[in-house]
Protein backbone atom coordinates (compact mmCIF):
# COMPACT_ATOMS: atom_id res chain seq x y z
CA UNK A 1 51.43 105.41 49.44
CA UNK A 2 47.67 104.77 49.69
CA UNK A 3 45.36 107.06 47.89
CA UNK A 4 41.78 105.99 47.70
CA UNK A 5 39.04 107.39 45.47
CA UNK A 6 35.61 107.01 47.05
CA UNK A 7 34.08 108.93 44.15
CA UNK A 8 35.39 109.84 40.70
CA UNK A 9 34.34 112.30 38.00
CA UNK A 10 34.17 111.88 34.39
CA UNK A 11 36.92 109.85 32.67
CA UNK A 12 39.73 111.72 31.08
CA UNK A 13 38.71 110.62 27.50
CA UNK A 14 35.15 111.84 27.98
CA UNK A 15 36.51 115.43 29.13
CA UNK A 16 39.03 115.42 26.26
CA UNK A 17 35.96 114.90 23.59
CA UNK A 18 34.15 117.69 25.31
CA UNK A 19 37.05 119.97 24.95
CA UNK A 20 37.62 118.76 21.13
CA UNK A 21 33.99 119.85 20.54
CA UNK A 22 34.18 123.13 22.20
CA UNK A 23 37.58 123.80 20.20
CA UNK A 24 35.76 123.15 16.88
CA UNK A 25 32.83 125.44 17.61
CA UNK A 26 34.98 128.30 18.75
CA UNK A 27 37.20 128.00 15.79
CA UNK A 28 34.43 128.38 13.38
CA UNK A 29 32.73 131.09 15.31
CA UNK A 30 35.81 133.20 15.50
CA UNK A 31 36.34 132.83 11.79
CA UNK A 32 32.77 133.98 11.08
CA UNK A 33 33.15 137.11 13.31
CA UNK A 34 36.51 137.95 11.48
CA UNK A 35 34.65 137.58 8.18
CA UNK A 36 31.55 139.25 8.78
CA UNK A 37 32.02 141.54 11.81
CA UNK A 38 28.88 143.04 13.39
CA UNK A 39 26.50 140.95 11.31
CA UNK A 40 28.00 137.63 12.79
CA UNK A 41 27.98 139.21 16.27
CA UNK A 42 24.27 140.19 15.88
CA UNK A 43 23.39 136.75 14.60
CA UNK A 44 25.22 135.17 17.57
CA UNK A 45 23.60 137.29 20.18
CA UNK A 46 20.04 136.59 18.67
CA UNK A 47 20.85 132.87 18.64
CA UNK A 48 22.14 132.38 21.98
CA UNK A 49 20.71 135.39 24.04
CA UNK A 50 17.74 136.20 21.94
CA UNK A 51 19.01 139.83 22.36
CA UNK A 52 19.24 142.20 19.37
CA UNK A 53 19.23 145.87 20.48
CA UNK A 54 19.59 148.85 18.19
CA UNK A 55 23.25 149.11 19.68
CA UNK A 56 25.01 146.75 21.82
CA UNK A 57 27.05 149.57 23.45
CA UNK A 58 25.09 151.30 26.21
CA UNK A 59 24.78 155.05 26.12
CA UNK A 60 25.43 157.20 29.07
CA UNK A 61 21.53 157.68 29.45
CA UNK A 62 20.91 153.90 29.39
CA UNK A 63 23.68 153.32 31.84
CA UNK A 64 22.13 155.98 34.24
CA UNK A 65 18.48 154.59 33.88
CA UNK A 66 19.87 150.93 34.57
CA UNK A 67 21.77 152.19 37.72
CA UNK A 68 18.63 153.81 38.96
CA UNK A 69 16.96 150.51 39.32
CA UNK A 70 19.71 149.28 41.77
CA UNK A 71 18.60 149.74 45.45
CA UNK A 72 20.43 151.77 47.99
CA UNK A 73 21.60 148.75 49.91
CA UNK A 74 22.67 146.97 46.82
CA UNK A 75 24.79 150.02 45.70
CA UNK A 76 26.21 150.32 49.06
CA UNK A 77 27.15 146.49 48.90
CA UNK A 78 28.68 146.97 45.43
CA UNK A 79 30.73 149.89 46.56
CA UNK A 80 31.92 148.29 49.64
CA UNK A 81 33.12 145.15 47.63
CA UNK A 82 34.99 147.53 44.95
CA UNK A 83 36.61 149.37 47.77
CA UNK A 84 38.16 146.07 49.10
CA UNK A 85 39.35 145.05 45.57
CA UNK A 86 40.68 148.52 44.79
CA UNK A 87 42.57 148.57 48.10
CA UNK A 88 44.31 145.40 47.59
CA UNK A 89 44.93 146.01 43.96
CA UNK A 90 46.46 149.40 45.02
CA UNK A 91 48.82 147.64 47.56
CA UNK A 92 49.97 145.29 44.93
CA UNK A 93 50.47 148.32 42.48
CA UNK A 94 52.58 150.06 45.17
CA UNK A 95 54.83 146.98 45.50
CA UNK A 96 55.67 147.20 41.78
CA UNK A 97 58.43 149.77 41.40
CA UNK A 98 60.28 151.28 38.35
CA UNK A 99 63.95 150.90 38.88
CA UNK A 100 67.15 152.59 37.62
CA UNK A 101 70.61 151.42 38.75
CA UNK A 102 74.18 152.05 37.59
CA UNK A 103 75.46 148.57 37.12
CA UNK A 104 79.05 149.89 35.98
CA UNK A 105 80.47 153.23 36.04
CA UNK A 106 78.47 155.15 33.36
CA UNK A 107 76.20 152.24 32.46
CA UNK A 108 72.52 152.87 33.50
CA UNK A 109 69.85 150.05 33.29
CA UNK A 110 66.23 150.35 34.25
CA UNK A 111 62.62 149.28 33.88
CA UNK A 112 59.32 151.06 33.79
CA UNK A 113 55.89 149.40 34.46
CA UNK A 114 53.53 150.73 31.89
CA UNK A 115 49.68 149.87 31.63
CA UNK A 116 48.42 148.29 28.57
CA UNK A 117 46.71 150.61 26.45
CA UNK A 118 43.39 148.92 26.06
CA UNK A 119 41.69 146.12 27.78
CA UNK A 120 38.41 143.97 27.09
CA UNK A 121 36.91 142.86 30.36
CA UNK A 122 34.59 139.91 30.11
CA UNK A 123 31.89 139.56 32.88
CA UNK A 124 29.94 136.42 32.79
CA UNK A 125 26.22 136.69 33.47
CA UNK A 126 24.05 134.25 31.34
CA UNK A 127 23.17 131.89 34.22
CA UNK A 128 23.93 134.09 37.24
CA UNK A 129 24.67 137.85 37.04
CA UNK A 130 28.39 138.02 38.12
CA UNK A 131 28.34 141.48 39.68
CA UNK A 132 31.76 140.73 41.49
CA UNK A 133 33.53 139.91 38.28
CA UNK A 134 33.31 143.52 37.20
CA UNK A 135 35.12 144.49 40.49
CA UNK A 136 37.72 142.05 39.64
CA UNK A 137 38.52 142.95 36.14
CA UNK A 138 37.36 146.57 35.51
CA UNK A 139 38.21 148.20 38.74
CA UNK A 140 41.60 146.47 38.98
CA UNK A 141 42.28 147.62 35.32
CA UNK A 142 41.39 151.17 36.64
CA UNK A 143 43.88 150.93 39.47
CA UNK A 144 46.52 149.92 36.94
CA UNK A 145 45.83 153.01 34.97
CA UNK A 146 44.58 151.46 31.78
CA UNK A 147 43.44 154.40 29.45
CA UNK A 148 40.83 152.42 27.57
CA UNK A 149 38.58 149.89 29.44
CA UNK A 150 35.93 148.03 27.57
CA UNK A 151 33.42 145.69 29.57
CA UNK A 152 31.10 143.12 28.05
CA UNK A 153 28.34 141.13 29.62
CA UNK A 154 25.60 139.14 28.35
CA UNK A 155 22.03 139.88 28.86
CA UNK A 156 20.29 138.51 31.86
CA UNK A 157 16.67 137.21 31.16
CA UNK A 158 16.67 139.12 28.04
CA UNK A 159 17.96 142.67 29.21
CA UNK A 160 21.06 144.14 30.80
CA UNK A 161 21.43 143.33 34.48
CA UNK A 162 21.30 146.66 36.38
CA UNK A 163 23.59 145.55 39.19
CA UNK A 164 26.29 144.33 36.72
CA UNK A 165 26.13 147.57 34.76
CA UNK A 166 26.34 149.64 37.82
CA UNK A 167 29.63 147.61 38.88
CA UNK A 168 31.12 148.16 35.49
CA UNK A 169 30.53 151.71 35.58
CA UNK A 170 31.61 152.45 39.06
CA UNK A 171 34.61 150.18 38.31
CA UNK A 172 35.71 152.66 35.58
CA UNK A 173 34.73 151.08 32.42
CA UNK A 174 34.95 153.49 29.56
CA UNK A 175 32.55 151.40 27.19
CA UNK A 176 30.00 149.05 28.26
CA UNK A 177 28.51 146.45 25.79
CA UNK A 178 25.77 143.90 26.37
CA UNK A 179 27.30 140.99 24.58
CA UNK A 180 28.07 137.56 25.95
CA UNK A 181 29.81 134.39 24.94
CA UNK A 182 32.30 133.86 21.96
CA UNK A 183 30.79 136.85 20.13
CA UNK A 184 31.99 139.30 22.91
CA UNK A 185 35.34 137.68 23.07
CA UNK A 186 35.75 137.75 19.50
CA UNK A 187 34.34 141.18 18.87
CA UNK A 188 36.78 142.74 21.56
CA UNK A 189 39.83 140.80 20.32
CA UNK A 190 39.23 140.94 16.54
CA UNK A 191 37.31 144.03 16.27
CA UNK A 192 34.24 144.90 14.19
CA UNK A 193 32.71 147.92 12.33
CA UNK A 194 31.59 149.31 15.66
CA UNK A 195 34.08 147.98 18.20
CA UNK A 196 37.75 148.89 18.06
CA UNK A 197 39.90 145.84 19.20
CA UNK A 198 41.77 145.81 22.36
CA UNK A 199 45.22 144.71 23.41
CA UNK A 200 44.40 142.46 26.28
CA UNK A 201 41.36 140.16 27.15
CA UNK A 202 40.70 139.39 30.89
CA UNK A 203 38.00 137.69 32.96
CA UNK A 204 36.38 134.40 33.59
CA UNK A 205 33.77 132.53 31.48
CA UNK A 206 32.51 129.22 30.56
CA UNK A 207 34.27 126.55 28.35
CA UNK A 208 33.53 128.49 25.28
CA UNK A 209 34.71 131.91 26.60
CA UNK A 210 37.87 130.34 27.88
CA UNK A 211 38.64 128.52 24.61
CA UNK A 212 37.91 131.71 22.74
CA UNK A 213 40.69 133.50 24.80
CA UNK A 214 43.04 130.52 24.16
CA UNK A 215 42.67 130.70 20.56
CA UNK A 216 43.07 134.43 20.27
CA UNK A 217 46.21 134.54 22.48
CA UNK A 218 48.92 135.90 20.45
CA UNK A 219 46.72 138.23 18.53
CA UNK A 220 45.90 139.80 21.82
CA UNK A 221 47.06 139.22 25.33
CA UNK A 222 45.11 137.30 27.88
CA UNK A 223 45.13 137.17 31.57
CA UNK A 224 45.13 133.44 31.99
CA UNK A 225 43.19 130.33 31.30
CA UNK A 226 40.07 131.03 33.43
CA UNK A 227 37.45 128.43 32.48
CA UNK A 228 34.61 126.77 34.60
CA UNK A 229 35.27 127.06 38.18
CA UNK A 230 37.10 124.34 40.24
CA UNK A 231 37.24 123.91 43.90
CA UNK A 232 39.13 121.65 46.25
CA UNK A 233 38.48 121.19 50.04
CA UNK A 234 41.47 119.85 51.93
CA UNK A 235 40.02 118.84 55.35
CA UNK A 236 40.74 116.70 58.32
CA UNK A 237 38.59 115.92 61.32
CA UNK A 238 40.36 118.49 63.73
CA UNK A 239 39.01 121.66 61.78
CA UNK A 240 36.06 120.66 59.73
CA UNK A 241 33.00 118.63 59.72
CA UNK A 242 30.82 117.01 56.85
CA UNK A 243 28.45 119.93 56.79
CA UNK A 244 31.29 122.62 56.22
CA UNK A 245 32.97 120.34 53.46
CA UNK A 246 29.68 119.54 51.61
CA UNK A 247 28.72 123.28 51.70
CA UNK A 248 31.90 124.46 50.38
CA UNK A 249 31.85 121.92 47.63
CA UNK A 250 28.36 122.48 46.49
CA UNK A 251 28.80 126.25 46.85
CA UNK A 252 30.96 126.30 43.80
CA UNK A 253 29.46 123.19 41.95
CA UNK A 254 26.27 125.44 41.42
CA UNK A 255 28.35 127.73 38.99
CA UNK A 256 27.68 125.49 36.02
CA UNK A 257 27.24 121.82 34.74
CA UNK A 258 31.06 121.11 34.52
CA UNK A 259 32.57 122.62 37.69
CA UNK A 260 34.95 120.21 39.20
CA UNK A 261 34.91 119.76 42.95
CA UNK A 262 37.12 117.48 44.99
CA UNK A 263 37.27 116.63 48.70
CA UNK A 264 40.84 115.57 49.69
CA UNK A 265 41.16 114.27 53.28
CA UNK A 266 43.06 111.78 55.54
CA UNK A 267 39.88 110.78 57.30
CA UNK A 268 37.70 108.01 55.62
CA UNK A 269 34.95 108.87 58.20
CA UNK A 270 34.83 112.43 57.24
CA UNK A 271 34.81 111.44 53.41
CA UNK A 272 31.93 109.11 53.99
CA UNK A 273 29.88 111.64 56.06
CA UNK A 274 30.44 114.33 53.48
CA UNK A 275 29.10 112.05 50.72
CA UNK A 276 25.90 111.61 52.84
CA UNK A 277 25.84 115.31 53.64
CA UNK A 278 26.11 116.22 50.11
CA UNK A 279 23.20 114.04 49.22
CA UNK A 280 21.09 115.87 51.97
CA UNK A 281 21.94 119.27 50.77
CA UNK A 282 21.26 118.68 47.15
CA UNK A 283 17.54 117.90 48.29
CA UNK A 284 16.89 121.38 49.60
CA UNK A 285 19.56 123.53 47.47
CA UNK A 286 17.68 125.73 45.13
CA UNK A 287 20.49 125.57 42.58
CA UNK A 288 20.54 121.77 43.05
CA UNK A 289 19.74 121.14 39.10
CA UNK A 290 22.95 122.69 38.31
CA UNK A 291 25.19 121.68 41.32
CA UNK A 292 24.02 118.13 41.08
CA UNK A 293 25.09 117.54 37.49
CA UNK A 294 28.60 119.06 38.39
CA UNK A 295 28.90 116.95 41.45
CA UNK A 296 27.88 113.73 39.54
CA UNK A 297 30.07 114.31 36.64
CA UNK A 298 33.06 116.16 37.96
CA UNK A 299 33.00 115.49 41.80
CA UNK A 300 35.65 113.52 43.46
CA UNK A 301 36.38 112.18 47.08
CA UNK A 302 39.97 111.21 47.69
CA UNK A 303 41.31 109.62 50.88
CA UNK A 304 44.96 109.73 51.80
CA UNK A 305 46.97 108.30 54.60
CA UNK A 306 49.35 111.22 55.23
CA UNK A 307 49.41 115.07 54.94
CA UNK A 308 52.24 114.59 52.46
CA UNK A 309 50.23 112.63 50.20
CA UNK A 310 47.44 115.12 50.36
CA UNK A 311 49.87 117.92 49.55
CA UNK A 312 51.15 115.82 46.44
CA UNK A 313 47.65 114.99 45.14
CA UNK A 314 46.60 118.78 45.64
CA UNK A 315 49.48 120.01 43.68
CA UNK A 316 49.13 117.59 40.92
CA UNK A 317 45.36 118.61 40.62
CA UNK A 318 46.21 122.29 40.92
CA UNK A 319 42.68 123.31 41.56
CA UNK A 320 41.51 127.03 41.02
CA UNK A 321 40.05 127.44 44.57
CA UNK A 322 41.61 125.41 47.61
CA UNK A 323 39.81 125.55 50.68
CA UNK A 324 42.07 124.32 53.68
CA UNK A 325 40.72 123.29 56.92
CA UNK A 326 43.32 121.14 58.85
CA UNK A 327 45.35 121.38 62.01
CA UNK A 328 48.28 122.81 59.87
CA UNK A 329 46.85 125.29 57.33
CA UNK A 330 50.03 127.34 57.37
CA UNK A 331 51.99 124.32 56.36
CA UNK A 332 49.91 123.99 53.30
CA UNK A 333 50.35 127.71 52.63
CA UNK A 334 54.22 127.27 53.02
CA UNK A 335 54.50 123.94 50.80
CA UNK A 336 51.73 124.11 48.25
CA UNK A 337 52.98 125.35 44.78
CA UNK A 338 50.29 124.90 42.31
CA UNK A 339 46.84 126.43 42.79
CA UNK A 340 44.67 129.37 42.11
CA UNK A 341 44.07 130.85 45.57
CA UNK A 342 44.09 129.46 49.13
CA UNK A 343 41.29 129.83 51.70
CA UNK A 344 42.83 129.08 54.89
CA UNK A 345 40.81 127.90 58.00
CA UNK A 346 36.99 127.22 58.56
CA UNK A 347 36.34 130.85 59.19
CA UNK A 348 36.79 131.87 55.48
CA UNK A 349 35.40 130.31 52.28
CA UNK A 350 35.64 130.67 48.57
CA UNK A 351 32.68 132.84 48.51
CA UNK A 352 34.55 135.53 50.37
CA UNK A 353 37.14 135.64 47.72
CA UNK A 354 34.53 135.37 44.84
CA UNK A 355 32.60 138.32 46.11
CA UNK A 356 33.89 140.79 48.77
CA UNK A 357 37.13 140.18 50.56
CA UNK A 358 39.49 141.98 48.18
CA UNK A 359 41.56 139.27 46.51
CA UNK A 360 40.82 138.70 42.91
CA UNK A 361 38.58 135.91 41.95
CA UNK A 362 39.71 135.47 38.31
CA UNK A 363 42.15 132.43 38.77
CA UNK A 364 43.67 129.61 36.82
CA UNK A 365 41.85 126.56 35.85
CA UNK A 366 42.68 123.25 34.22
CA UNK A 367 46.13 123.09 35.83
CA UNK A 368 47.21 126.47 34.76
CA UNK A 369 47.95 127.19 38.31
CA UNK A 370 51.24 125.15 37.54
CA UNK A 371 52.55 128.30 35.66
CA UNK A 372 50.51 131.18 36.52
CA UNK A 373 48.60 132.85 39.50
CA UNK A 374 45.39 134.69 39.12
CA UNK A 375 44.38 138.06 37.68
CA UNK A 376 46.10 140.99 39.50
CA UNK A 377 47.10 144.48 38.90
CA UNK A 378 50.38 143.49 37.47
CA UNK A 379 48.57 141.56 34.71
CA UNK A 380 47.61 144.99 33.18
CA UNK A 381 51.13 146.30 33.42
CA UNK A 382 54.14 145.57 31.01
CA UNK A 383 57.46 145.79 32.50
CA UNK A 384 59.80 147.49 29.87
CA UNK A 385 63.64 147.59 30.26
CA UNK A 386 65.87 150.55 28.97
CA UNK A 387 69.48 151.28 28.96
CA UNK A 388 71.78 154.37 28.78
CA UNK A 389 75.55 154.71 28.46
CA UNK A 390 76.62 157.94 29.98
CA UNK A 391 80.40 158.04 29.27
CA UNK A 392 82.98 157.36 26.47
CA UNK A 393 84.84 155.03 28.81
CA UNK A 394 81.70 152.87 29.37
CA UNK A 395 80.80 152.88 25.78
CA UNK A 396 84.21 151.69 24.62
CA UNK A 397 84.48 149.09 27.45
CA UNK A 398 81.05 147.48 26.75
CA UNK A 399 81.71 147.90 22.94
CA UNK A 400 84.80 145.76 23.15
CA UNK A 401 83.27 142.93 25.13
CA UNK A 402 80.21 143.23 22.88
CA UNK A 403 82.13 143.14 19.68
CA UNK A 404 83.93 139.97 20.60
CA UNK A 405 80.95 138.20 21.86
CA UNK A 406 79.01 139.05 18.54
CA UNK A 407 82.02 137.67 16.58
CA UNK A 408 81.96 134.44 18.74
CA UNK A 409 78.38 133.75 17.40
CA UNK A 410 79.26 134.88 13.83
CA UNK A 411 77.13 138.18 13.97
CA UNK A 412 79.41 140.35 11.86
CA UNK A 413 76.79 143.13 11.66
CA UNK A 414 76.04 143.05 15.40
CA UNK A 415 79.81 143.40 15.98
CA UNK A 416 80.01 146.47 13.89
CA UNK A 417 77.45 148.11 15.92
CA UNK A 418 79.77 147.72 18.83
CA UNK A 419 82.83 148.51 16.83
CA UNK A 420 81.67 151.80 15.57
CA UNK A 421 81.31 152.96 19.21
CA UNK A 422 84.69 151.53 20.15
CA UNK A 423 86.13 153.58 17.24
CA UNK A 424 84.19 156.77 18.01
CA UNK A 425 84.42 156.99 21.68
CA UNK A 426 87.50 155.02 22.45
CA UNK A 427 89.68 155.98 19.46
CA UNK A 428 90.52 152.20 18.93
CA UNK A 429 91.09 151.04 15.49
CA UNK A 430 89.05 147.91 15.00
CA UNK A 431 89.26 146.57 11.51
CA UNK A 432 85.74 146.17 9.98
CA UNK A 433 84.42 142.53 10.33
CA UNK A 434 86.71 141.58 13.23
CA UNK A 435 86.29 141.53 17.02
CA UNK A 436 87.73 144.24 19.16
CA UNK A 437 91.21 143.52 20.40
CA UNK A 438 91.78 142.54 23.95
CA UNK A 439 93.48 145.54 25.78
CA UNK A 440 95.38 145.08 28.97
CA UNK A 441 92.85 147.08 30.92
CA UNK A 442 90.14 144.61 29.83
CA UNK A 443 92.01 141.50 30.67
């Protein structure tokens, strides 16, 4: 096997040190929010966002005034994007069926899909107003039928961003707060004097937001580990050129200063040309100050000999976004197992998924694609099972098996739950503290 790195990003120990610093800051900040509530939240907002309004929750009048600032074309575009997200989320919801089956005569088992009762949707917006994130979290929660949807977003240039607020409102948010960062995540999960806590947190964010969600998991549910964006381009010379590869890499690198972006190819020529093209684009890209840092610190170029090697490396990295431009895109679709979302062929791109096409852009990062997919309508639903026994015969038969299996494990009290049914519904005399006898019919 030959796997060559033409460019590497930050060393693993340096990334680990960054993560440790983030963990410590988040832990102390969440503790402060728990102890001092609204006062801590306000101080954090003043410190990081220079924002301290009379109330962080927007009133209906404030929402309407902000929405009035959104142009007709912008509103049309927002509504179009939300329609695509809602349509796909509804199709996903329709695939999740409640079931009820009779597994044995008189034994009924089933499950129901029940929405979580409250959700906090975080919509990033400090560096860029992430209008699309409102569609992904708020509108999808609305399709799932969540009865209380909170949305939080930081101020943009010192005030609420009208387009983000419009998207939250149109998406179905019941409460909208202009709060960002750890203070938003902590307030929604822990609760304060003015914000009731939620049952589930969803939405992407920077490293501090992602770490806050991780530390709060258990106290509340979270959708997934969705930290700084990651992108991988898998390309060969048959379907892609250096301009396409470089554009797709830098298009995600501009998210922040720590956004990993990886080119994986079996063509050294394409790899070297892409490196040159990235240098060219960074000289003209308006967001180069951000994208260049991500590329220098977290960019990688990996050259493999074979497609099988490319597949192995891709699954090991488990990138959030994977853009595939090869002569065998469907082969990667069939065989890849660890990623956030796939973007197949040169005609599509990650920005489609981020903004408009309808799939959800809140996706797993930091290798979480090994054990979870992205945010979808099912994340807002809890699948709860139930059981019914409809006949005396079924109660007796299941009770006899249950009694003996409980005694096998030494659970006498459990066995008695079964035995009392055997006595009442089957007329079988089971001595207290013993397993049910084996009847001929049960052998």
